[in-house]
N, C-alpha and C. Protein backbone atom coordinates (compact mmCIF):
# COMPACT_ATOMS: atom_id res chain seq x y z
N MET A 1 -6.90 -2.76 2.67
CA MET A 1 -5.72 -2.27 2.00
C MET A 1 -4.53 -2.78 2.78
N ASP A 2 -3.56 -3.33 2.06
CA ASP A 2 -2.35 -3.87 2.66
C ASP A 2 -1.14 -3.36 1.88
N VAL A 3 0.01 -3.30 2.53
CA VAL A 3 1.26 -2.94 1.86
C VAL A 3 2.33 -3.98 2.17
N LYS A 4 3.31 -4.08 1.27
CA LYS A 4 4.43 -5.00 1.46
C LYS A 4 5.70 -4.34 0.97
N GLU A 5 6.73 -4.37 1.80
CA GLU A 5 8.03 -3.84 1.40
C GLU A 5 8.68 -4.78 0.40
N LYS A 6 9.49 -4.23 -0.49
CA LYS A 6 10.23 -5.03 -1.47
C LYS A 6 11.04 -6.10 -0.75
N GLY A 7 10.89 -7.35 -1.17
CA GLY A 7 11.63 -8.45 -0.57
C GLY A 7 10.96 -9.09 0.63
N ALA A 8 9.89 -8.48 1.16
CA ALA A 8 9.18 -9.05 2.31
C ALA A 8 8.32 -10.23 1.86
N ASN A 9 8.02 -11.12 2.78
CA ASN A 9 7.18 -12.28 2.46
C ASN A 9 5.70 -12.00 2.64
N ASP A 10 5.35 -11.10 3.55
CA ASP A 10 3.95 -10.90 3.90
C ASP A 10 3.52 -9.45 3.75
N PHE A 11 2.23 -9.27 3.51
CA PHE A 11 1.62 -7.94 3.49
C PHE A 11 1.26 -7.54 4.92
N THR A 12 1.23 -6.22 5.18
CA THR A 12 0.83 -5.66 6.46
C THR A 12 -0.45 -4.87 6.25
N GLU A 13 -1.44 -5.11 7.10
CA GLU A 13 -2.74 -4.46 6.95
C GLU A 13 -2.69 -3.00 7.40
N LEU A 14 -3.31 -2.13 6.61
CA LEU A 14 -3.48 -0.73 6.98
C LEU A 14 -4.84 -0.56 7.63
N LYS A 15 -4.99 0.44 8.45
CA LYS A 15 -6.27 0.75 9.10
C LYS A 15 -6.89 1.98 8.46
N GLU A 16 -8.20 1.90 8.17
CA GLU A 16 -8.90 3.04 7.59
C GLU A 16 -9.43 3.93 8.71
N SER A 17 -9.18 5.22 8.59
CA SER A 17 -9.63 6.17 9.61
C SER A 17 -11.03 6.69 9.25
N PRO A 18 -11.70 7.35 10.19
CA PRO A 18 -12.99 7.95 9.89
C PRO A 18 -12.91 9.00 8.77
N ALA A 19 -11.72 9.55 8.54
CA ALA A 19 -11.53 10.55 7.49
C ALA A 19 -11.21 9.90 6.13
N ASN A 20 -11.38 8.56 6.05
CA ASN A 20 -11.12 7.81 4.81
C ASN A 20 -9.68 7.89 4.35
N THR A 21 -8.75 7.90 5.30
CA THR A 21 -7.33 7.79 4.98
C THR A 21 -6.83 6.48 5.58
N TRP A 22 -5.74 5.98 5.06
CA TRP A 22 -5.19 4.70 5.51
C TRP A 22 -3.91 4.95 6.29
N THR A 23 -3.78 4.28 7.44
CA THR A 23 -2.60 4.48 8.28
C THR A 23 -2.01 3.13 8.69
N LEU A 24 -0.75 3.18 9.04
CA LEU A 24 -0.04 2.00 9.53
C LEU A 24 0.75 2.42 10.75
N GLU A 25 0.49 1.77 11.86
CA GLU A 25 1.26 2.04 13.07
C GLU A 25 2.40 1.04 13.12
N SER A 26 3.62 1.55 13.02
CA SER A 26 4.79 0.69 13.00
C SER A 26 5.92 1.37 13.74
N LYS A 27 6.66 0.58 14.49
CA LYS A 27 7.84 1.13 15.18
C LYS A 27 9.01 1.25 14.21
N ALA A 28 8.99 0.44 13.16
CA ALA A 28 10.08 0.47 12.17
C ALA A 28 9.69 1.35 10.99
N GLN A 29 10.67 2.02 10.42
CA GLN A 29 10.44 2.85 9.25
C GLN A 29 10.21 1.96 8.03
N LEU A 30 9.21 2.29 7.22
CA LEU A 30 8.97 1.55 5.99
C LEU A 30 9.97 1.97 4.93
N LEU A 31 10.44 0.99 4.18
CA LEU A 31 11.38 1.26 3.10
C LEU A 31 10.73 0.88 1.78
N GLY A 32 10.67 1.82 0.85
CA GLY A 32 10.09 1.55 -0.46
C GLY A 32 11.09 0.86 -1.36
N PRO A 33 10.65 0.38 -2.49
CA PRO A 33 9.29 0.51 -2.99
C PRO A 33 8.32 -0.42 -2.25
N LEU A 34 7.05 0.00 -2.23
CA LEU A 34 6.01 -0.76 -1.56
C LEU A 34 5.00 -1.27 -2.59
N SER A 35 4.58 -2.51 -2.41
CA SER A 35 3.49 -3.05 -3.21
C SER A 35 2.21 -2.86 -2.41
N VAL A 36 1.09 -2.70 -3.12
CA VAL A 36 -0.20 -2.44 -2.49
C VAL A 36 -1.18 -3.53 -2.91
N ARG A 37 -1.95 -4.04 -1.94
CA ARG A 37 -2.99 -5.04 -2.22
C ARG A 37 -4.29 -4.51 -1.61
N PHE A 38 -5.39 -4.69 -2.34
CA PHE A 38 -6.67 -4.20 -1.84
C PHE A 38 -7.79 -5.12 -2.31
N ALA A 39 -8.93 -5.05 -1.61
CA ALA A 39 -10.08 -5.87 -1.96
C ALA A 39 -10.92 -5.14 -3.00
N ALA A 40 -11.32 -5.87 -4.04
CA ALA A 40 -12.19 -5.32 -5.08
C ALA A 40 -13.27 -6.36 -5.37
N LYS A 41 -14.53 -5.94 -5.31
CA LYS A 41 -15.64 -6.88 -5.50
C LYS A 41 -15.51 -7.69 -6.78
N SER A 42 -15.13 -7.04 -7.86
CA SER A 42 -15.13 -7.71 -9.16
C SER A 42 -13.87 -8.51 -9.46
N SER A 43 -12.80 -8.29 -8.70
CA SER A 43 -11.54 -8.95 -9.08
C SER A 43 -10.72 -9.48 -7.92
N GLY A 44 -11.34 -9.80 -6.80
CA GLY A 44 -10.60 -10.41 -5.69
C GLY A 44 -9.68 -9.44 -4.98
N TYR A 45 -8.39 -9.75 -4.97
CA TYR A 45 -7.39 -8.94 -4.27
C TYR A 45 -6.26 -8.55 -5.23
N PRO A 46 -6.47 -7.52 -6.05
CA PRO A 46 -5.41 -7.09 -6.96
C PRO A 46 -4.19 -6.59 -6.20
N VAL A 47 -3.02 -6.82 -6.78
CA VAL A 47 -1.76 -6.34 -6.21
C VAL A 47 -1.10 -5.43 -7.24
N VAL A 48 -0.65 -4.27 -6.79
CA VAL A 48 0.12 -3.37 -7.64
C VAL A 48 1.54 -3.37 -7.09
N ASP A 49 2.44 -4.03 -7.80
CA ASP A 49 3.83 -4.10 -7.35
C ASP A 49 4.52 -2.75 -7.52
N ASP A 50 5.32 -2.39 -6.52
CA ASP A 50 6.11 -1.15 -6.54
C ASP A 50 5.26 0.09 -6.81
N ALA A 51 4.05 0.12 -6.25
CA ALA A 51 3.14 1.25 -6.45
C ALA A 51 3.64 2.52 -5.77
N ILE A 52 4.34 2.35 -4.67
CA ILE A 52 4.89 3.49 -3.93
C ILE A 52 6.41 3.38 -4.01
N PRO A 53 7.08 4.36 -4.60
CA PRO A 53 8.51 4.23 -4.88
C PRO A 53 9.40 4.37 -3.65
N ALA A 54 10.64 3.93 -3.80
CA ALA A 54 11.66 4.19 -2.77
C ALA A 54 11.78 5.70 -2.64
N GLY A 55 12.01 6.18 -1.45
CA GLY A 55 12.13 7.62 -1.23
C GLY A 55 10.79 8.34 -1.22
N PHE A 56 9.70 7.58 -0.99
CA PHE A 56 8.37 8.20 -0.99
C PHE A 56 8.25 9.23 0.12
N LYS A 57 7.33 10.15 -0.06
CA LYS A 57 7.05 11.19 0.92
C LYS A 57 5.66 10.96 1.51
N VAL A 58 5.55 10.95 2.81
CA VAL A 58 4.26 10.78 3.48
C VAL A 58 3.32 11.90 3.05
N GLY A 59 2.08 11.54 2.73
CA GLY A 59 1.09 12.52 2.31
C GLY A 59 1.07 12.78 0.82
N SER A 60 1.95 12.11 0.07
CA SER A 60 2.00 12.30 -1.38
C SER A 60 1.05 11.33 -2.08
N ASP A 61 0.69 11.66 -3.32
CA ASP A 61 -0.14 10.79 -4.15
C ASP A 61 0.74 10.11 -5.19
N TYR A 62 0.44 8.84 -5.46
CA TYR A 62 1.18 8.09 -6.48
C TYR A 62 0.17 7.40 -7.38
N ARG A 63 0.33 7.57 -8.68
CA ARG A 63 -0.59 6.98 -9.66
C ARG A 63 -0.08 5.62 -10.11
N THR A 64 -1.04 4.74 -10.47
CA THR A 64 -0.70 3.44 -11.04
C THR A 64 -1.47 3.28 -12.35
N SER A 65 -1.13 2.26 -13.09
CA SER A 65 -1.83 1.99 -14.35
C SER A 65 -3.06 1.12 -14.12
N LEU A 66 -3.28 0.64 -12.91
CA LEU A 66 -4.42 -0.23 -12.62
C LEU A 66 -5.71 0.58 -12.59
N GLN A 67 -6.71 0.12 -13.31
CA GLN A 67 -8.03 0.76 -13.31
C GLN A 67 -9.07 -0.28 -12.95
N LEU A 68 -10.00 0.09 -12.09
CA LEU A 68 -11.07 -0.83 -11.70
C LEU A 68 -12.40 -0.34 -12.21
């Protein structure tokens, strides 16, 4: 699972914890909206642009229209 800030050139990898949550250790604050990229066996590396909105809250859930 990777995330990318709006306007950034590269994705940043998230780390999966033993509790099956994803974290990012960063000294800089992330600014939304964020695009999300993940590995899927059947479809390579799908990207959901602006999946996490500007003003997001840590620990919140955000739905997308992408279905696997």
